[in-house]
């Protein structure tokens, strides 16, 4: 889905609107689709996505043993934008 469906959707939107890139908001599976697609075809997604917002990504770093992951997963230390 990240390498076929999502690029087809993005291409349709850019063709219909005339814009060269889009802003993307993904929720759960939509987050995974963009991350997978961008990992497999970074050149395409770097050109087509100007902003990506991920809601409810289907993963967690709260049980990681990495000190930086534990710091990043603490909501009290992250800035509110």
C-alpha atoms as a PDB file:
ATOM      1  CA  UNK A   1       0.000   0.000   0.000  1.00  0.00           C
ATOM      2  CA  UNK A   2       2.861   2.374   0.765  1.00  0.00           C
ATOM      3  CA  UNK A   3       4.527   1.818  -2.602  1.00  0.00           C
ATOM      4  CA  UNK A   4       1.491   1.532  -4.894  1.00  0.00           C
ATOM      5  CA  UNK A   5      -1.776   2.855  -3.416  1.00  0.00           C
ATOM      6  CA  UNK A   6      -0.399   5.880  -1.598  1.00  0.00           C
ATOM      7  CA  UNK A   7       1.684   7.147  -4.539  1.00  0.00           C
ATOM      8  CA  UNK A   8      -1.323   6.666  -6.844  1.00  0.00           C
ATOM      9  CA  UNK A   9      -3.458   8.745  -4.487  1.00  0.00           C
ATOM     10  CA  UNK A  10      -0.807  11.434  -4.147  1.00  0.00           C
ATOM     11  CA  UNK A  11      -0.315  11.581  -7.925  1.00  0.00           C
ATOM     12  CA  UNK A  12      -4.075  11.917  -8.445  1.00  0.00           C
ATOM     13  CA  UNK A  13      -4.272  14.780  -5.931  1.00  0.00           C
ATOM     14  CA  UNK A  14      -1.278  16.640  -7.373  1.00  0.00           C
ATOM     15  CA  UNK A  15      -2.603  16.236 -10.898  1.00  0.00           C
ATOM     16  CA  UNK A  16      -6.102  17.435  -9.925  1.00  0.00           C
ATOM     17  CA  UNK A  17      -4.865  20.419  -7.882  1.00  0.00           C
ATOM     18  CA  UNK A  18      -1.794  21.428  -9.841  1.00  0.00           C
ATOM     19  CA  UNK A  19       0.332  21.433  -6.698  1.00  0.00           C
ATOM     20  CA  UNK A  20       3.719  19.718  -6.815  1.00  0.00           C
ATOM     21  CA  UNK A  21       3.504  18.325  -3.277  1.00  0.00           C
ATOM     22  CA  UNK A  22       0.956  17.663  -0.546  1.00  0.00           C
ATOM     23  CA  UNK A  23       0.707  17.717   3.229  1.00  0.00           C
ATOM     24  CA  UNK A  24      -0.050  14.303   4.657  1.00  0.00           C
ATOM     25  CA  UNK A  25      -1.900  13.358   7.838  1.00  0.00           C
ATOM     26  CA  UNK A  26      -1.775   9.672   8.695  1.00  0.00           C
ATOM     27  CA  UNK A  27      -3.610   7.809  11.433  1.00  0.00           C
ATOM     28  CA  UNK A  28      -2.485   4.345  12.504  1.00  0.00           C
ATOM     29  CA  UNK A  29      -2.234   2.359   9.256  1.00  0.00           C
ATOM     30  CA  UNK A  30      -1.872   5.595   7.287  1.00  0.00           C
ATOM     31  CA  UNK A  31       1.238   6.321   9.333  1.00  0.00           C
ATOM     32  CA  UNK A  32       2.653   2.906   8.511  1.00  0.00           C
ATOM     33  CA  UNK A  33       1.867   3.308   4.817  1.00  0.00           C
ATOM     34  CA  UNK A  34       3.791   6.551   4.490  1.00  0.00           C
ATOM     35  CA  UNK A  35       6.739   5.351   6.578  1.00  0.00           C
ATOM     36  CA  UNK A  36       6.987   2.120   4.579  1.00  0.00           C
ATOM     37  CA  UNK A  37       6.649   3.921   1.255  1.00  0.00           C
ATOM     38  CA  UNK A  38       9.192   6.566   2.203  1.00  0.00           C
ATOM     39  CA  UNK A  39      11.653   3.916   3.364  1.00  0.00           C
ATOM     40  CA  UNK A  40      11.350   2.014   0.083  1.00  0.00           C
ATOM     41  CA  UNK A  41      11.158   4.993  -2.294  1.00  0.00           C
ATOM     42  CA  UNK A  42      12.586   8.049  -0.508  1.00  0.00           C
ATOM     43  CA  UNK A  43      13.156  10.072  -3.688  1.00  0.00           C
ATOM     44  CA  UNK A  44       9.466  10.007  -4.600  1.00  0.00           C
ATOM     45  CA  UNK A  45       8.210  10.894  -1.124  1.00  0.00           C
ATOM     46  CA  UNK A  46      10.815  13.610  -0.583  1.00  0.00           C
ATOM     47  CA  UNK A  47       9.492  15.350  -3.708  1.00  0.00           C
ATOM     48  CA  UNK A  48       5.777  14.784  -3.063  1.00  0.00           C
ATOM     49  CA  UNK A  49       5.329  15.275   0.724  1.00  0.00           C
ATOM     50  CA  UNK A  50       6.005  18.723   2.168  1.00  0.00           C
ATOM     51  CA  UNK A  51       4.693  17.939   5.670  1.00  0.00           C
ATOM     52  CA  UNK A  52       3.767  14.678   7.375  1.00  0.00           C
ATOM     53  CA  UNK A  53       1.743  14.489  10.586  1.00  0.00           C
ATOM     54  CA  UNK A  54       1.345  11.109  12.289  1.00  0.00           C
ATOM     55  CA  UNK A  55      -1.501  10.405  14.698  1.00  0.00           C
ATOM     56  CA  UNK A  56      -1.638   7.184  16.696  1.00  0.00           C
ATOM     57  CA  UNK A  57       1.295   5.460  15.063  1.00  0.00           C
ATOM     58  CA  UNK A  58       0.985   1.704  15.634  1.00  0.00           C
ATOM     59  CA  UNK A  59       4.173   1.334  17.633  1.00  0.00           C
ATOM     60  CA  UNK A  60       5.564   2.378  20.979  1.00  0.00           C
ATOM     61  CA  UNK A  61       9.027   3.022  22.360  1.00  0.00           C
ATOM     62  CA  UNK A  62       7.984   3.020  26.019  1.00  0.00           C
ATOM     63  CA  UNK A  63       9.643  -0.365  26.712  1.00  0.00           C
ATOM     64  CA  UNK A  64      12.861   0.435  24.882  1.00  0.00           C
ATOM     65  CA  UNK A  65      16.130   0.095  26.762  1.00  0.00           C
ATOM     66  CA  UNK A  66      17.615   3.068  24.915  1.00  0.00           C
ATOM     67  CA  UNK A  67      18.074   6.114  27.162  1.00  0.00           C
ATOM     68  CA  UNK A  68      17.188   8.504  24.311  1.00  0.00           C
ATOM     69  CA  UNK A  69      14.022   6.530  23.480  1.00  0.00           C
ATOM     70  CA  UNK A  70      12.889   6.626  27.108  1.00  0.00           C
ATOM     71  CA  UNK A  71      13.557  10.374  27.216  1.00  0.00           C
ATOM     72  CA  UNK A  72      11.622  10.951  23.975  1.00  0.00           C
ATOM     73  CA  UNK A  73       8.657   8.879  25.146  1.00  0.00           C
ATOM     74  CA  UNK A  74       8.196  11.005  28.273  1.00  0.00           C
ATOM     75  CA  UNK A  75       5.428  13.510  27.476  1.00  0.00           C
ATOM     76  CA  UNK A  76       6.695  15.890  30.168  1.00  0.00           C
ATOM     77  CA  UNK A  77       9.923  16.618  28.290  1.00  0.00           C
ATOM     78  CA  UNK A  78       8.540  17.077  24.779  1.00  0.00           C
ATOM     79  CA  UNK A  79       7.648  20.582  23.617  1.00  0.00           C
ATOM     80  CA  UNK A  80       4.016  21.277  22.801  1.00  0.00           C
ATOM     81  CA  UNK A  81       3.770  22.786  19.345  1.00  0.00           C
END
